[in-house]
Amino acid sequence: MEYRKMLLVASTSLLLAACSQHTFKIPEAQTQHHQANPSDQIVWAINSGGDAYLSSDGIQYQADAIKMASGDASHVVIAKGTILGTQDPNLYLSSRQGETIAYQQPLVNGTYSVTLRFAEDQWTQEGKRQFSVWIEGQQRIPVIDVVNDRDGRNMTSYDISVPNVELADGQLNIDFKAVTGNASISAIVVRKPYQVDKDWHLVWQDEFNQNGRVDETKWNYELWAPKRVNEELQRYTDRSENVRQQGGNLIIEARRDFFQGDEYSSARITSAGKGDLLYGRVEVRAKLPDGLGTWPAIWMMPSDFDAYAEPCEDPTDEQKLCNSWPNSGEIDILEHVGFDEGRIHSTMHNKAFFWKNFKQRKGALYEPDVTRNFHLYAMEWSPERIDVFIDDTLYFSYINDHQGWQSWPFDKPFHVILNIAVGGGWGGIKGVADDIWPKQMLIDYVRLYQKKSLT
């Protein structure tokens, strides 16, 4: 989860002895041989205001030499400086800006997703540049404010995707309309729906088809007091009021019930030592809670939490290793904060790129119904890249730059974590409503896959 602090789950290290029995691994060469290439689904990509560009994730962007649509009043701006938060900083240096920006691109009729890439090159404050995004005549994102959306930073990349764009007239229309200041866009990627490789095979699963407590051969309960990490307000328990199987789902329920004297209670479970994965595909079908102050997450942490820890400068008998986080990595498949309903986030954390140095790699997607309907949240992980999806839409990729463990600690087994936090350094930025509880995250299943052996 965002805004991770140093204090992480001590119980993880106690489970390591069991990990070798439950870690699923296949040979690296086999994984690379079969890894699907998400670039195959791309039908159009343009470097707005810039030259042709081949990005680190294999996308070939065409130069922006097209004639703009009628009514477009944009101009090209080239930023000065370095864009943070991306593996392709040069892609974000050029942009089109204007009161209106209108792209029209001939495409075969069908269903697509659209990924939009931005970087604020001028303003350092929120509210100075705000604009809406319209696709096929429908407002798909009400407000983009890059500084606000990218953790209060300018000169930092911000990517957001829009799924399920239906095209029926042979021409894709994308419009950016200014609300405050000028609209701005650095790059656009249009994809067909992602086709999952049929060569994945199931190695671990929980369908949650029982009633009562979770299966403790697959899951561990985390029992934490409030404010152990991220200034979160909840007490994590193993009570049925907070976590249970019921009606074919896992239910994680955050409550305002003053349990043990703490205002909020919730649950956090992990598969550490019981369902660890090194390379593969993770699927979690879930419906998210709404409400101001909710912070649900589907994510992964290293099963050896100290894998890339460093000797402490001032070691003690109790602590000789430091910086286990972020050094050993974190994979956030899904985060959602209640004050920004409908916008989901995926982030990779490591020593080279994490929130304290404003360089963390992340992507977002806007889907207003994530709190009303189930969606499939998935991640595919190979030695070369990590790709994150909602349903059949890829919305974030992180590429191994082969610069060492500092940027790629993702060569060790990780495990799944499911939880709802209340408040905290991100979820509580705009407060916590006290009249909305209880709130539930419903999980239909969790499935881990790997590739079939060549033999």
Protein backbone atom coordinates (compact mmCIF):
# COMPACT_ATOMS: atom_id res chain seq x y z
CA MET A 1 0.00 0.00 0.00
CA GLU A 2 1.07 3.61 -0.49
CA TYR A 3 2.98 5.47 2.23
CA ARG A 4 4.51 2.29 3.65
CA LYS A 5 6.53 2.77 6.81
CA MET A 6 9.48 0.80 8.11
CA LEU A 7 7.45 -1.24 10.56
CA LEU A 8 6.05 -4.20 8.62
CA VAL A 9 4.76 -7.58 9.57
CA ALA A 10 7.18 -9.31 11.89
CA SER A 11 5.23 -12.53 11.59
CA THR A 12 6.32 -12.88 7.96
CA SER A 13 9.82 -13.91 8.98
CA LEU A 14 8.39 -16.60 11.22
CA LEU A 15 6.75 -18.24 8.21
CA LEU A 16 9.84 -18.51 6.04
CA ALA A 17 10.67 -22.05 7.08
CA ALA A 18 7.47 -23.19 5.43
CA CYS A 19 7.85 -21.16 2.24
CA SER A 20 9.86 -23.72 0.30
CA GLN A 21 6.94 -26.15 0.50
CA HIS A 22 4.46 -23.68 -0.95
CA THR A 23 6.49 -21.55 -3.37
CA PHE A 24 5.63 -22.12 -7.02
CA LYS A 25 8.48 -21.62 -9.47
CA ILE A 26 9.22 -22.70 -13.02
CA PRO A 27 12.45 -22.32 -14.96
CA GLU A 28 13.24 -18.77 -15.99
CA ALA A 29 13.79 -19.61 -19.64
CA GLN A 30 10.40 -21.30 -19.81
CA THR A 31 8.67 -18.26 -18.33
CA GLN A 32 10.35 -15.92 -20.80
CA HIS A 33 9.58 -18.19 -23.74
CA HIS A 34 5.85 -18.15 -23.06
CA GLN A 35 5.34 -14.65 -21.69
CA ALA A 36 2.65 -12.93 -23.73
CA ASN A 37 3.56 -9.55 -25.18
CA PRO A 38 0.91 -6.97 -24.20
CA SER A 39 2.17 -4.73 -27.01
CA ASP A 40 0.48 -7.10 -29.46
CA GLN A 41 -2.90 -5.59 -28.53
CA ILE A 42 -1.91 -2.01 -29.40
CA VAL A 43 -3.67 -0.49 -32.40
CA TRP A 44 -2.52 3.13 -32.09
CA ALA A 45 0.03 5.04 -30.01
CA ILE A 46 1.09 8.65 -30.46
CA ASN A 47 3.73 10.81 -28.79
CA SER A 48 1.74 14.04 -28.50
CA GLY A 49 3.77 16.96 -29.78
CA GLY A 50 6.85 14.78 -30.20
CA ASP A 51 8.83 12.49 -32.50
CA ALA A 52 8.48 8.75 -32.98
CA TYR A 53 9.47 6.94 -29.80
CA LEU A 54 10.06 3.30 -28.74
CA SER A 55 9.30 2.93 -25.04
CA SER A 56 10.84 0.55 -22.52
CA ASP A 57 7.72 -1.62 -22.54
CA GLY A 58 7.95 -2.18 -26.30
CA ILE A 59 5.36 0.33 -27.50
CA GLN A 60 6.16 2.12 -30.76
CA TYR A 61 4.70 5.64 -30.62
CA GLN A 62 4.23 7.47 -33.88
CA ALA A 63 5.32 11.08 -34.27
CA ASP A 64 2.63 13.70 -33.78
CA ALA A 65 2.54 14.94 -37.36
CA ILE A 66 -1.18 14.46 -37.92
CA LYS A 67 -3.62 17.20 -38.78
CA MET A 68 -5.60 17.99 -35.66
CA ALA A 69 -9.39 17.80 -35.63
CA SER A 70 -11.63 20.74 -36.40
CA GLY A 71 -11.95 23.03 -33.40
CA ASP A 72 -8.59 22.01 -31.93
CA ALA A 73 -6.66 25.02 -30.69
CA SER A 74 -3.65 23.27 -29.21
CA HIS A 75 0.04 24.00 -29.48
CA VAL A 76 3.18 21.97 -28.80
CA VAL A 77 5.13 22.51 -25.57
CA ILE A 78 8.53 20.99 -24.80
CA ALA A 79 9.29 20.76 -21.09
CA LYS A 80 12.71 21.61 -19.69
CA GLY A 81 14.11 19.31 -17.04
CA THR A 82 13.72 15.66 -16.10
CA ILE A 83 10.38 13.90 -15.70
CA LEU A 84 10.30 11.60 -12.65
CA GLY A 85 8.21 8.55 -11.92
CA THR A 86 8.61 6.82 -15.28
CA GLN A 87 10.96 4.49 -17.08
CA ASP A 88 10.52 6.66 -20.19
CA PRO A 89 11.12 10.28 -19.13
CA ASN A 90 11.70 11.53 -22.69
CA LEU A 91 8.22 10.44 -23.72
CA TYR A 92 6.71 13.02 -21.35
CA LEU A 93 8.85 16.01 -22.35
CA SER A 94 6.62 16.91 -25.28
CA SER A 95 2.92 17.67 -24.97
CA ARG A 96 0.00 19.28 -26.71
CA GLN A 97 -1.67 22.01 -24.66
CA GLY A 98 -4.68 24.20 -25.28
CA GLU A 99 -8.20 25.09 -24.26
CA THR A 100 -9.36 22.19 -26.41
CA ILE A 101 -7.36 19.28 -27.82
CA ALA A 102 -9.10 16.97 -30.27
CA TYR A 103 -7.70 13.77 -31.75
CA GLN A 104 -9.47 11.75 -34.44
CA GLN A 105 -8.06 8.39 -35.50
CA PRO A 106 -9.57 5.90 -37.98
CA LEU A 107 -9.93 2.46 -36.35
CA VAL A 108 -11.85 -0.74 -36.97
CA ASN A 109 -15.09 -0.83 -34.99
CA GLY A 110 -14.83 -2.70 -31.71
CA THR A 111 -14.01 -2.36 -28.01
CA TYR A 112 -10.81 -0.66 -26.87
CA SER A 113 -9.08 0.77 -23.84
CA VAL A 114 -7.33 4.14 -23.92
CA THR A 115 -4.28 4.98 -21.81
CA LEU A 116 -3.45 8.67 -21.37
CA ARG A 117 -0.02 9.88 -20.27
CA PHE A 118 0.56 13.27 -18.65
CA ALA A 119 3.23 15.31 -16.86
CA GLU A 120 2.70 18.80 -15.44
CA ASP A 121 5.55 20.95 -16.75
CA GLN A 122 4.54 24.37 -15.43
CA TRP A 123 2.44 24.49 -12.28
CA THR A 124 3.54 23.28 -8.85
CA GLN A 125 0.15 23.78 -7.18
CA GLU A 126 -3.09 21.87 -7.42
CA GLY A 127 -5.99 23.55 -9.21
CA LYS A 128 -3.91 25.51 -11.72
CA ARG A 129 -4.54 23.13 -14.62
CA GLN A 130 -7.73 21.05 -14.65
CA PHE A 131 -9.48 19.47 -17.61
CA SER A 132 -11.91 16.72 -18.53
CA VAL A 133 -11.50 13.82 -20.95
CA TRP A 134 -14.18 12.92 -23.50
CA ILE A 135 -14.05 9.79 -25.63
CA GLU A 136 -16.62 9.10 -28.33
CA GLY A 137 -18.69 12.03 -27.13
CA GLN A 138 -18.92 10.79 -23.53
CA GLN A 139 -17.18 12.33 -20.55
CA ARG A 140 -15.00 9.47 -19.31
CA ILE A 141 -12.89 11.33 -16.74
CA PRO A 142 -14.54 14.36 -15.08
CA VAL A 143 -11.35 16.05 -13.87
CA ILE A 144 -7.64 15.56 -14.45
CA ASP A 145 -5.39 17.64 -12.21
CA VAL A 146 -1.95 16.16 -12.73
CA VAL A 147 -0.32 17.76 -9.68
CA ASN A 148 -3.13 16.60 -7.41
CA ASP A 149 -3.37 13.18 -9.02
CA ARG A 150 0.39 12.60 -8.88
CA ASP A 151 0.92 13.07 -5.14
CA GLY A 152 1.26 16.86 -5.27
CA ARG A 153 4.19 16.80 -7.68
CA ASN A 154 4.92 18.44 -11.01
CA MET A 155 7.50 17.17 -13.53
CA THR A 156 6.30 13.67 -12.61
CA SER A 157 4.48 11.28 -14.92
CA TYR A 158 0.82 10.39 -14.44
CA ASP A 159 -0.86 7.64 -16.43
CA ILE A 160 -4.56 6.81 -16.35
CA SER A 161 -6.54 4.37 -18.49
CA VAL A 162 -10.17 4.27 -19.59
CA PRO A 163 -11.65 0.81 -20.31
CA ASN A 164 -14.50 -0.37 -22.52
CA VAL A 165 -14.50 2.28 -25.21
CA GLU A 166 -17.05 1.20 -27.83
CA LEU A 167 -16.33 2.33 -31.38
CA ALA A 168 -19.12 2.04 -33.96
CA ASP A 169 -18.40 4.66 -36.64
CA GLY A 170 -14.84 3.78 -37.70
CA GLN A 171 -13.26 6.83 -36.07
CA LEU A 172 -11.99 7.21 -32.52
CA ASN A 173 -12.58 10.68 -31.06
CA ILE A 174 -10.65 11.82 -27.98
CA ASP A 175 -11.19 15.35 -26.67
CA PHE A 176 -9.56 17.20 -23.78
CA LYS A 177 -11.54 20.21 -22.52
CA ALA A 178 -10.05 22.79 -20.20
CA VAL A 179 -11.74 23.65 -16.90
CA THR A 180 -8.93 25.76 -15.41
CA GLY A 181 -5.92 26.76 -17.47
CA ASN A 182 -5.15 24.71 -20.59
CA ALA A 183 -5.63 21.00 -21.12
CA SER A 184 -2.47 18.97 -21.73
CA ILE A 185 -1.57 15.51 -23.06
CA SER A 186 1.84 13.85 -23.56
CA ALA A 187 0.95 10.49 -25.13
CA ILE A 188 -1.98 8.23 -25.99
CA VAL A 189 -2.11 4.44 -26.30
CA VAL A 190 -5.14 2.53 -27.65
CA ARG A 191 -5.40 -1.22 -27.10
CA LYS A 192 -7.68 -4.08 -27.99
CA PRO A 193 -8.91 -6.21 -25.05
CA TYR A 194 -6.13 -8.31 -23.56
CA GLN A 195 -6.24 -12.00 -24.41
CA VAL A 196 -5.00 -14.12 -21.51
CA ASP A 197 -2.46 -16.75 -22.57
CA LYS A 198 -4.08 -20.19 -22.51
CA ASP A 199 -0.82 -21.73 -21.29
CA TRP A 200 -1.33 -20.63 -17.67
CA HIS A 201 -2.17 -23.47 -15.30
CA LEU A 202 -3.65 -23.20 -11.82
CA VAL A 203 -1.26 -23.92 -8.93
CA TRP A 204 -3.11 -22.46 -5.89
CA GLN A 205 -6.63 -21.21 -5.28
CA ASP A 206 -9.30 -20.35 -2.75
CA GLU A 207 -12.87 -20.15 -4.04
CA PHE A 208 -14.35 -19.25 -0.61
CA ASN A 209 -17.21 -21.68 -1.01
CA GLN A 210 -17.49 -22.54 2.69
CA ASN A 211 -19.07 -20.59 5.53
CA GLY A 212 -17.25 -19.42 8.64
CA ARG A 213 -13.57 -18.80 9.22
CA VAL A 214 -11.06 -18.63 6.39
CA ASP A 215 -9.07 -21.74 5.53
CA GLU A 216 -6.02 -21.47 7.79
CA THR A 217 -4.08 -23.92 5.64
CA LYS A 218 -4.08 -21.12 3.04
CA TRP A 219 -4.30 -17.87 5.00
CA ASN A 220 -2.80 -16.15 8.04
CA TYR A 221 -4.56 -13.52 10.15
CA GLU A 222 -2.62 -10.35 10.95
CA LEU A 223 -3.51 -9.04 14.42
CA TRP A 224 -2.42 -5.43 14.68
CA ALA A 225 -3.18 -2.42 16.83
CA PRO A 226 -4.11 0.93 15.21
CA LYS A 227 -1.38 3.14 13.74
CA ARG A 228 1.15 0.36 13.37
CA VAL A 229 1.68 1.51 9.78
CA ASN A 230 0.64 4.56 7.78
CA GLU A 231 -1.26 6.14 10.71
CA GLU A 232 -4.18 3.83 9.90
CA LEU A 233 -7.02 3.88 12.43
CA GLN A 234 -8.24 0.28 12.40
CA ARG A 235 -7.46 -2.64 14.69
CA TYR A 236 -6.93 -5.78 12.63
CA THR A 237 -8.69 -8.82 14.14
CA ASP A 238 -9.58 -12.41 13.31
CA ARG A 239 -13.22 -12.01 14.45
CA SER A 240 -16.01 -13.20 12.21
CA GLU A 241 -17.39 -9.68 12.35
CA ASN A 242 -14.32 -8.54 10.40
CA VAL A 243 -13.41 -11.52 8.19
CA ARG A 244 -15.40 -14.59 7.14
CA GLN A 245 -16.53 -16.82 4.31
CA GLN A 246 -20.19 -16.34 3.54
CA GLY A 247 -22.42 -16.90 0.52
CA GLY A 248 -19.59 -17.92 -1.79
CA ASN A 249 -17.39 -14.92 -0.98
CA LEU A 250 -14.67 -13.88 1.37
CA ILE A 251 -15.94 -10.85 3.28
CA ILE A 252 -13.51 -8.38 4.81
CA GLU A 253 -15.54 -5.91 6.83
CA ALA A 254 -14.37 -2.62 8.33
CA ARG A 255 -16.51 -1.52 11.27
CA ARG A 256 -16.86 1.42 13.64
CA ASP A 257 -17.54 -0.68 16.72
CA PHE A 258 -14.97 0.45 19.33
CA PHE A 259 -13.62 -3.07 19.71
CA GLN A 260 -11.05 -3.25 22.54
CA GLY A 261 -11.45 0.51 22.89
CA ASP A 262 -10.40 1.33 19.33
CA GLU A 263 -12.90 3.18 17.15
CA TYR A 264 -12.42 1.07 14.01
CA SER A 265 -11.82 -2.63 13.38
CA SER A 266 -11.05 -4.49 10.17
CA ALA A 267 -9.09 -7.50 8.88
CA ARG A 268 -5.93 -8.26 6.95
CA ILE A 269 -5.03 -11.77 5.78
CA THR A 270 -1.96 -13.07 3.95
CA SER A 271 -0.94 -16.23 2.10
CA ALA A 272 2.66 -16.03 3.40
CA GLY A 273 4.23 -19.45 3.79
CA LYS A 274 1.09 -21.10 2.42
CA GLY A 275 0.71 -19.67 -1.08
CA ASP A 276 3.93 -17.97 -2.22
CA LEU A 277 4.66 -17.29 -5.88
CA LEU A 278 7.76 -16.56 -7.93
CA TYR A 279 6.63 -15.47 -11.42
CA GLY A 280 3.13 -16.21 -12.64
CA ARG A 281 -0.35 -14.75 -12.81
CA VAL A 282 -2.46 -13.65 -9.85
CA GLU A 283 -6.24 -13.23 -10.16
CA VAL A 284 -8.57 -11.75 -7.53
CA ARG A 285 -12.22 -11.19 -8.40
CA ALA A 286 -13.55 -8.56 -6.03
CA LYS A 287 -16.06 -5.81 -5.33
CA LEU A 288 -14.63 -2.83 -3.46
CA PRO A 289 -16.11 -0.80 -0.59
CA ASP A 290 -17.08 2.83 -1.04
CA GLY A 291 -17.10 5.63 1.52
CA LEU A 292 -14.84 8.39 2.79
CA GLY A 293 -11.95 6.88 4.74
CA THR A 294 -11.98 3.39 3.19
CA TRP A 295 -8.69 2.10 1.76
CA PRO A 296 -8.96 -1.47 0.37
CA ALA A 297 -5.97 -3.18 -1.17
CA ILE A 298 -5.01 -6.34 -3.05
CA TRP A 299 -1.24 -6.55 -2.98
CA MET A 300 1.90 -8.64 -2.50
CA MET A 301 4.95 -8.56 -0.27
CA PRO A 302 8.16 -10.62 -0.33
CA SER A 303 7.90 -13.82 1.67
CA ASP A 304 11.48 -13.22 2.79
CA PHE A 305 10.93 -9.69 4.04
CA ASP A 306 14.68 -9.21 4.62
CA ALA A 307 15.76 -10.48 1.18
CA TYR A 308 17.46 -7.20 0.28
CA ALA A 309 17.71 -5.57 3.70
CA GLU A 310 20.92 -3.74 4.59
CA PRO A 311 22.97 -3.74 7.81
CA CYS A 312 21.72 -1.05 10.17
CA GLU A 313 24.02 1.89 10.83
CA ASP A 314 23.38 1.45 14.54
CA PRO A 315 22.41 -2.21 14.97
CA THR A 316 20.88 -3.52 18.17
CA ASP A 317 20.41 -7.05 19.45
CA GLU A 318 16.78 -6.85 18.29
CA GLN A 319 17.45 -5.27 14.90
CA LYS A 320 20.56 -5.82 12.82
CA LEU A 321 18.97 -5.36 9.37
CA CYS A 322 17.26 -2.18 8.14
CA ASN A 323 15.38 -0.93 5.10
CA SER A 324 13.68 -4.28 4.48
CA TRP A 325 11.00 -2.05 3.00
CA PRO A 326 11.28 -0.75 0.37
CA ASN A 327 14.45 -2.68 -0.51
CA SER A 328 12.80 -6.08 -0.81
CA GLY A 329 9.94 -4.73 -2.91
CA GLU A 330 6.17 -4.44 -2.91
CA ILE A 331 3.64 -5.13 -5.67
CA ASP A 332 0.35 -3.24 -5.36
CA ILE A 333 -2.12 -4.88 -7.71
CA LEU A 334 -5.03 -2.73 -6.55
CA GLU A 335 -5.60 0.19 -4.21
CA HIS A 336 -8.68 2.39 -3.98
CA VAL A 337 -9.33 5.33 -1.65
CA GLY A 338 -12.88 6.30 -0.82
CA PHE A 339 -12.45 10.03 -1.35
CA ASP A 340 -11.65 9.37 -5.03
CA GLU A 341 -14.23 6.77 -5.92
CA GLY A 342 -13.75 4.90 -9.17
CA ARG A 343 -10.03 5.57 -9.60
CA ILE A 344 -7.93 2.47 -8.94
CA HIS A 345 -4.16 2.37 -8.63
CA SER A 346 -1.27 -0.04 -9.13
CA THR A 347 2.23 0.75 -7.85
CA MET A 348 5.64 -0.94 -7.63
CA HIS A 349 7.90 -0.05 -4.70
CA ASN A 350 11.63 -0.70 -4.34
CA LYS A 351 14.75 1.09 -3.16
CA ALA A 352 15.27 2.94 -6.43
CA PHE A 353 11.66 4.05 -6.85
CA PHE A 354 9.32 4.67 -3.92
CA TRP A 355 7.15 7.44 -2.62
CA LYS A 356 9.74 9.17 -0.47
CA ASN A 357 11.91 9.99 -3.49
CA PHE A 358 8.83 10.77 -5.63
CA LYS A 359 10.01 8.24 -8.21
CA GLN A 360 7.62 5.35 -7.61
CA ARG A 361 6.23 3.77 -10.76
CA LYS A 362 2.44 3.64 -10.84
CA GLY A 363 -0.62 3.61 -13.05
CA ALA A 364 -4.30 4.41 -12.56
CA LEU A 365 -7.61 3.51 -14.21
CA TYR A 366 -11.00 5.19 -13.98
CA GLU A 367 -13.96 2.82 -13.71
CA PRO A 368 -16.87 4.34 -11.76
CA ASP A 369 -18.57 1.06 -10.89
CA VAL A 370 -15.75 -0.71 -8.99
CA THR A 371 -17.71 -0.28 -5.75
CA ARG A 372 -20.96 -1.57 -7.27
CA ASN A 373 -19.84 -4.58 -9.31
CA PHE A 374 -17.25 -7.35 -9.25
CA HIS A 375 -14.15 -6.96 -11.40
CA LEU A 376 -11.16 -9.20 -12.04
CA TYR A 377 -7.92 -7.68 -10.73
CA ALA A 378 -4.90 -9.49 -12.15
CA MET A 379 -1.14 -9.31 -12.39
CA GLU A 380 1.27 -11.15 -14.71
CA TRP A 381 4.89 -11.39 -13.58
CA SER A 382 7.94 -12.67 -15.45
CA PRO A 383 11.68 -12.08 -14.99
CA GLU A 384 11.37 -9.21 -17.49
CA ARG A 385 8.19 -7.32 -16.58
CA ILE A 386 5.10 -6.99 -14.41
CA ASP A 387 1.75 -6.15 -16.03
CA VAL A 388 -1.40 -5.24 -14.10
CA PHE A 389 -4.98 -5.57 -15.34
CA ILE A 390 -8.60 -4.97 -14.50
CA ASP A 391 -10.77 -7.43 -16.43
CA ASP A 392 -9.24 -7.44 -19.94
CA THR A 393 -7.64 -3.98 -19.70
CA LEU A 394 -3.91 -3.61 -19.06
CA TYR A 395 -3.36 -0.38 -17.15
CA PHE A 396 0.17 -0.54 -15.76
CA SER A 397 3.49 -2.13 -16.74
CA TYR A 398 6.79 -2.18 -14.88
CA ILE A 399 9.89 -3.30 -16.80
CA ASN A 400 13.07 -4.89 -15.46
CA ASP A 401 15.81 -2.40 -16.34
CA HIS A 402 18.55 -4.87 -15.34
CA GLN A 403 20.22 -2.31 -13.09
CA GLY A 404 20.25 -4.59 -10.05
CA TRP A 405 18.06 -5.46 -7.10
CA GLN A 406 17.54 -1.79 -6.23
CA SER A 407 15.06 -1.47 -9.10
CA TRP A 408 14.17 -5.15 -9.52
CA PRO A 409 13.87 -7.00 -6.19
CA PHE A 410 11.11 -9.00 -7.86
CA ASP A 411 13.18 -12.19 -8.23
CA LYS A 412 12.08 -13.75 -4.93
CA PRO A 413 8.79 -15.37 -3.87
CA PHE A 414 5.97 -13.01 -2.88
CA HIS A 415 2.63 -13.66 -1.18
CA VAL A 416 -0.88 -12.17 -1.44
CA ILE A 417 -2.35 -9.71 1.08
CA LEU A 418 -6.02 -8.67 1.29
CA ASN A 419 -7.21 -5.91 3.61
CA ILE A 420 -9.30 -2.81 4.22
CA ALA A 421 -7.52 0.00 6.04
CA VAL A 422 -9.41 2.91 7.61
CA GLY A 423 -8.02 6.43 7.27
CA GLY A 424 -4.25 6.64 7.26
CA GLY A 425 -1.67 8.63 5.34
CA TRP A 426 -3.50 8.25 2.04
CA GLY A 427 -6.96 6.88 2.75
CA GLY A 428 -7.62 9.54 5.40
CA ILE A 429 -6.24 12.60 3.63
CA LYS A 430 -9.74 14.05 3.30
CA GLY A 431 -11.07 12.65 6.55
CA VAL A 432 -13.06 9.61 7.65
CA ALA A 433 -16.86 9.61 7.65
CA ASP A 434 -18.26 8.29 10.91
CA ASP A 435 -21.76 7.40 9.64
CA ILE A 436 -21.09 4.95 6.78
CA TRP A 437 -19.98 1.79 8.59
CA PRO A 438 -19.75 -1.17 8.19
CA LYS A 439 -18.10 -1.40 4.78
CA GLN A 440 -17.19 -4.63 3.00
CA MET A 441 -14.78 -5.86 0.36
CA LEU A 442 -16.23 -8.99 -1.26
CA ILE A 443 -13.80 -11.44 -2.85
CA ASP A 444 -15.14 -14.22 -5.07
CA TYR A 445 -11.83 -16.03 -5.48
CA VAL A 446 -8.04 -15.80 -5.41
CA ARG A 447 -6.13 -17.88 -7.98
CA LEU A 448 -2.40 -18.24 -8.67
CA TYR A 449 -1.18 -19.54 -12.02
CA GLN A 450 2.07 -20.50 -13.71
CA LYS A 451 3.04 -21.65 -17.18
CA LYS A 452 2.86 -25.29 -18.25
CA SER A 453 6.17 -27.09 -18.53
CA LEU A 454 7.59 -27.42 -22.03
CA THR A 455 8.08 -31.08 -21.27
